[in-house]
């Protein structure tokens, strides 16, 4: 299983430790992440040819990416975003944009459902399908490369915000517009609940 580390906190939060005051009140949360999100940029980079995983998952700056070659969840789900062939005794893969977009769409729909069920979203977000879609896509795009984000935005038909639609949505006293990403400063318990639920419903 792969994980991400998130800093979660609020601007006006500190901790008391014994007789000391710790100014930085942020929490570090270890959250599971689907390995396909990590592998997608490498598959996209080598999209023109079939290659073995050890040829795809290579990065001089991030050599640990090679550990994904033995990741059971990745091996189980990679066919959802790539074409697969058996050549002699080897298994080779090639990025499939249509499959990848369909997989991303399932993540999008599940994240949106989780946000509706678990997050304390402002009524103004929930009452507008376009606003909710933009909000959901903002969460999803945190896990996509810039190129993948642009493709997914077009595939999912995410509309840009219109000036007249801008509303004051003061979520937890901080959120002002629907275009803000999922606030990293919302209460830790709420954000932890959202992310864990998204993961377990998205596997």
Protein backbone atom coordinates (compact mmCIF):
# COMPACT_ATOMS: atom_id res chain seq x y z
CA UNK A 1 0.00 0.00 0.00
CA UNK A 2 1.22 3.52 -0.84
CA UNK A 3 0.72 6.58 1.33
CA UNK A 4 0.90 10.34 1.18
CA UNK A 5 1.75 12.65 4.07
CA UNK A 6 -0.47 15.70 4.53
CA UNK A 7 0.03 18.73 6.74
CA UNK A 8 -3.38 19.64 8.12
CA UNK A 9 -4.08 22.55 10.39
CA UNK A 10 -5.55 25.98 10.92
CA UNK A 11 -3.81 29.35 10.97
CA UNK A 12 -4.79 30.07 14.55
CA UNK A 13 -3.85 26.74 16.14
CA UNK A 14 -1.11 25.89 18.63
CA UNK A 15 -0.39 23.05 21.03
CA UNK A 16 0.36 22.99 24.73
CA UNK A 17 3.07 20.46 25.59
CA UNK A 18 3.73 20.37 29.31
CA UNK A 19 4.60 23.94 30.23
CA UNK A 20 5.56 24.83 26.66
CA UNK A 21 3.57 26.31 23.81
CA UNK A 22 4.19 24.87 20.34
CA UNK A 23 3.36 27.57 17.81
CA UNK A 24 2.92 25.25 14.82
CA UNK A 25 -0.38 23.48 15.44
CA UNK A 26 -0.42 21.44 12.23
CA UNK A 27 -0.99 17.71 12.20
CA UNK A 28 0.73 15.26 9.88
CA UNK A 29 -1.67 12.67 8.49
CA UNK A 30 -0.58 9.53 6.67
CA UNK A 31 -3.25 8.78 4.05
CA UNK A 32 -3.32 5.85 1.59
CA UNK A 33 -3.15 6.77 -2.11
CA UNK A 34 -4.03 4.65 -5.13
CA UNK A 35 -0.75 3.66 -6.88
CA UNK A 36 -2.24 4.32 -10.33
CA UNK A 37 -2.11 8.04 -9.57
CA UNK A 38 1.65 7.67 -9.10
CA UNK A 39 2.17 5.48 -12.16
CA UNK A 40 0.04 7.48 -14.62
CA UNK A 41 2.66 10.17 -15.45
CA UNK A 42 5.22 7.47 -16.26
CA UNK A 43 2.77 5.56 -18.44
CA UNK A 44 1.85 8.78 -20.23
CA UNK A 45 5.51 9.62 -20.81
CA UNK A 46 5.98 6.29 -22.63
CA UNK A 47 2.61 6.17 -24.36
CA UNK A 48 3.95 5.46 -27.86
CA UNK A 49 5.22 1.93 -27.24
CA UNK A 50 4.75 -1.24 -25.24
CA UNK A 51 7.29 -1.58 -22.45
CA UNK A 52 7.86 -3.70 -19.38
CA UNK A 53 7.11 -2.08 -16.05
CA UNK A 54 10.78 -1.74 -15.11
CA UNK A 55 11.28 0.30 -18.30
CA UNK A 56 8.27 2.51 -17.58
CA UNK A 57 8.80 3.07 -13.87
CA UNK A 58 12.24 4.61 -14.02
CA UNK A 59 13.26 8.02 -12.74
CA UNK A 60 16.80 9.17 -11.97
CA UNK A 61 15.51 11.82 -9.57
CA UNK A 62 13.06 9.45 -7.86
CA UNK A 63 14.64 5.98 -8.04
CA UNK A 64 12.21 4.63 -5.43
CA UNK A 65 9.50 4.70 -8.12
CA UNK A 66 10.81 1.28 -9.12
CA UNK A 67 9.25 -0.17 -5.97
CA UNK A 68 5.87 0.09 -7.69
CA UNK A 69 6.85 -2.80 -9.97
CA UNK A 70 5.94 -5.19 -7.16
CA UNK A 71 2.95 -3.28 -5.85
CA UNK A 72 0.06 -5.76 -5.81
CA UNK A 73 -2.64 -3.12 -6.18
CA UNK A 74 -0.88 -1.58 -9.17
CA UNK A 75 -0.42 -4.94 -10.87
CA UNK A 76 -4.07 -5.73 -10.23
CA UNK A 77 -5.47 -2.47 -11.61
CA UNK A 78 -3.01 -1.28 -14.27
CA UNK A 79 -5.19 -2.82 -16.99
CA UNK A 80 -7.73 -0.11 -16.18
CA UNK A 81 -5.44 2.54 -17.71
CA UNK A 82 -3.18 0.61 -20.07
CA UNK A 83 -3.17 -1.96 -22.85
CA UNK A 84 -1.43 -5.18 -21.82
CA UNK A 85 0.30 -7.83 -23.91
CA UNK A 86 2.20 -11.01 -23.14
CA UNK A 87 5.33 -11.21 -25.28
CA UNK A 88 7.31 -14.42 -24.84
CA UNK A 89 7.89 -14.56 -21.09
CA UNK A 90 7.35 -10.85 -20.54
CA UNK A 91 4.31 -8.70 -19.85
CA UNK A 92 4.34 -5.29 -21.54
CA UNK A 93 2.15 -2.21 -21.09
CA UNK A 94 1.15 0.87 -23.08
CA UNK A 95 -0.85 3.86 -21.86
CA UNK A 96 -4.43 3.94 -23.16
CA UNK A 97 -5.88 7.44 -22.96
CA UNK A 98 -9.51 6.32 -23.26
CA UNK A 99 -9.17 3.77 -20.47
CA UNK A 100 -7.29 6.27 -18.31
CA UNK A 101 -9.98 8.93 -18.72
CA UNK A 102 -12.69 6.40 -17.89
CA UNK A 103 -10.81 5.38 -14.75
CA UNK A 104 -10.34 9.03 -13.77
CA UNK A 105 -14.06 9.56 -14.31
CA UNK A 106 -14.84 6.80 -11.80
CA UNK A 107 -12.51 8.51 -9.30
CA UNK A 108 -14.28 11.80 -9.99
CA UNK A 109 -17.74 10.36 -9.38
CA UNK A 110 -16.70 8.57 -6.21
CA UNK A 111 -14.93 11.62 -4.82
CA UNK A 112 -18.01 13.72 -5.52
CA UNK A 113 -20.19 11.20 -3.71
CA UNK A 114 -17.80 11.17 -0.75
CA UNK A 115 -17.79 14.95 -0.58
CA UNK A 116 -21.57 14.99 -0.58
CA UNK A 117 -21.82 12.34 2.12
CA UNK A 118 -18.86 13.15 4.37
CA UNK A 119 -17.81 16.78 3.96
CA UNK A 120 -19.48 19.78 5.55
CA UNK A 121 -19.85 21.56 2.22
CA UNK A 122 -21.65 24.87 1.98
CA UNK A 123 -25.20 24.63 0.65
CA UNK A 124 -24.23 26.93 -2.23
CA UNK A 125 -21.81 24.25 -3.47
CA UNK A 126 -24.24 21.36 -3.12
CA UNK A 127 -27.08 23.23 -4.80
CA UNK A 128 -25.15 23.91 -8.01
CA UNK A 129 -24.05 20.90 -10.13
CA UNK A 130 -21.42 22.98 -11.97
CA UNK A 131 -19.97 24.36 -8.76
CA UNK A 132 -19.91 20.91 -7.14
CA UNK A 133 -18.20 19.46 -10.21
CA UNK A 134 -15.54 22.18 -10.16
CA UNK A 135 -15.01 21.65 -6.45
CA UNK A 136 -14.69 17.88 -6.92
CA UNK A 137 -12.31 18.32 -9.83
CA UNK A 138 -10.17 20.58 -7.68
CA UNK A 139 -9.72 17.72 -5.22
CA UNK A 140 -9.02 15.20 -7.98
CA UNK A 141 -6.53 17.42 -9.82
CA UNK A 142 -4.24 17.41 -6.77
CA UNK A 143 -3.38 13.84 -7.78
CA UNK A 144 -2.89 14.46 -11.52
CA UNK A 145 -0.08 15.96 -13.57
CA UNK A 146 -0.71 19.23 -15.40
CA UNK A 147 -1.08 17.42 -18.73
CA UNK A 148 -3.42 14.83 -17.26
CA UNK A 149 -5.45 17.53 -15.52
CA UNK A 150 -6.03 19.36 -18.80
CA UNK A 151 -7.15 16.16 -20.54
CA UNK A 152 -9.40 15.14 -17.67
CA UNK A 153 -10.99 18.59 -17.48
CA UNK A 154 -11.98 18.35 -21.13
CA UNK A 155 -13.14 14.72 -20.84
CA UNK A 156 -15.27 15.46 -17.77
CA UNK A 157 -16.59 18.67 -19.33
CA UNK A 158 -15.67 20.81 -16.33
CA UNK A 159 -16.83 24.35 -17.00
CA UNK A 160 -14.85 27.41 -15.98
CA UNK A 161 -16.31 29.72 -13.38
CA UNK A 162 -18.29 32.72 -14.60
CA UNK A 163 -17.80 36.06 -12.92
CA UNK A 164 -21.48 36.41 -12.10
CA UNK A 165 -21.50 32.98 -10.46
CA UNK A 166 -18.89 33.85 -7.86
CA UNK A 167 -20.44 33.42 -4.45
CA UNK A 168 -19.34 33.83 -0.90
CA UNK A 169 -19.13 30.34 0.53
CA UNK A 170 -17.55 30.73 3.91
CA UNK A 171 -16.68 27.10 4.68
CA UNK A 172 -15.45 26.81 8.25
CA UNK A 173 -15.04 30.59 8.15
CA UNK A 174 -12.34 30.35 5.46
CA UNK A 175 -13.67 29.26 2.08
CA UNK A 176 -14.67 32.22 -0.10
CA UNK A 177 -15.20 30.86 -3.64
CA UNK A 178 -16.06 27.54 -5.23
CA UNK A 179 -12.76 27.54 -7.13
CA UNK A 180 -10.59 27.12 -4.03
CA UNK A 181 -9.09 23.67 -3.66
CA UNK A 182 -10.28 21.48 -0.82
CA UNK A 183 -9.04 23.56 2.06
CA UNK A 184 -5.87 22.21 3.63
CA UNK A 185 -6.72 24.33 6.64
CA UNK A 186 -10.12 22.89 7.43
CA UNK A 187 -10.35 20.96 10.70
CA UNK A 188 -8.09 17.90 10.65
CA UNK A 189 -10.85 15.50 11.65
CA UNK A 190 -13.06 16.57 8.74
CA UNK A 191 -10.29 16.36 6.14
CA UNK A 192 -9.10 13.00 7.46
CA UNK A 193 -12.63 11.63 7.20
CA UNK A 194 -12.97 12.86 3.61
CA UNK A 195 -9.66 11.43 2.42
CA UNK A 196 -10.01 8.05 4.11
CA UNK A 197 -13.54 7.67 2.74
CA UNK A 198 -12.42 8.67 -0.76
CA UNK A 199 -9.67 6.05 -0.65
CA UNK A 200 -11.76 3.16 0.62
CA UNK A 201 -14.58 3.87 -1.84
CA UNK A 202 -12.15 4.32 -4.73
CA UNK A 203 -10.04 1.15 -4.56
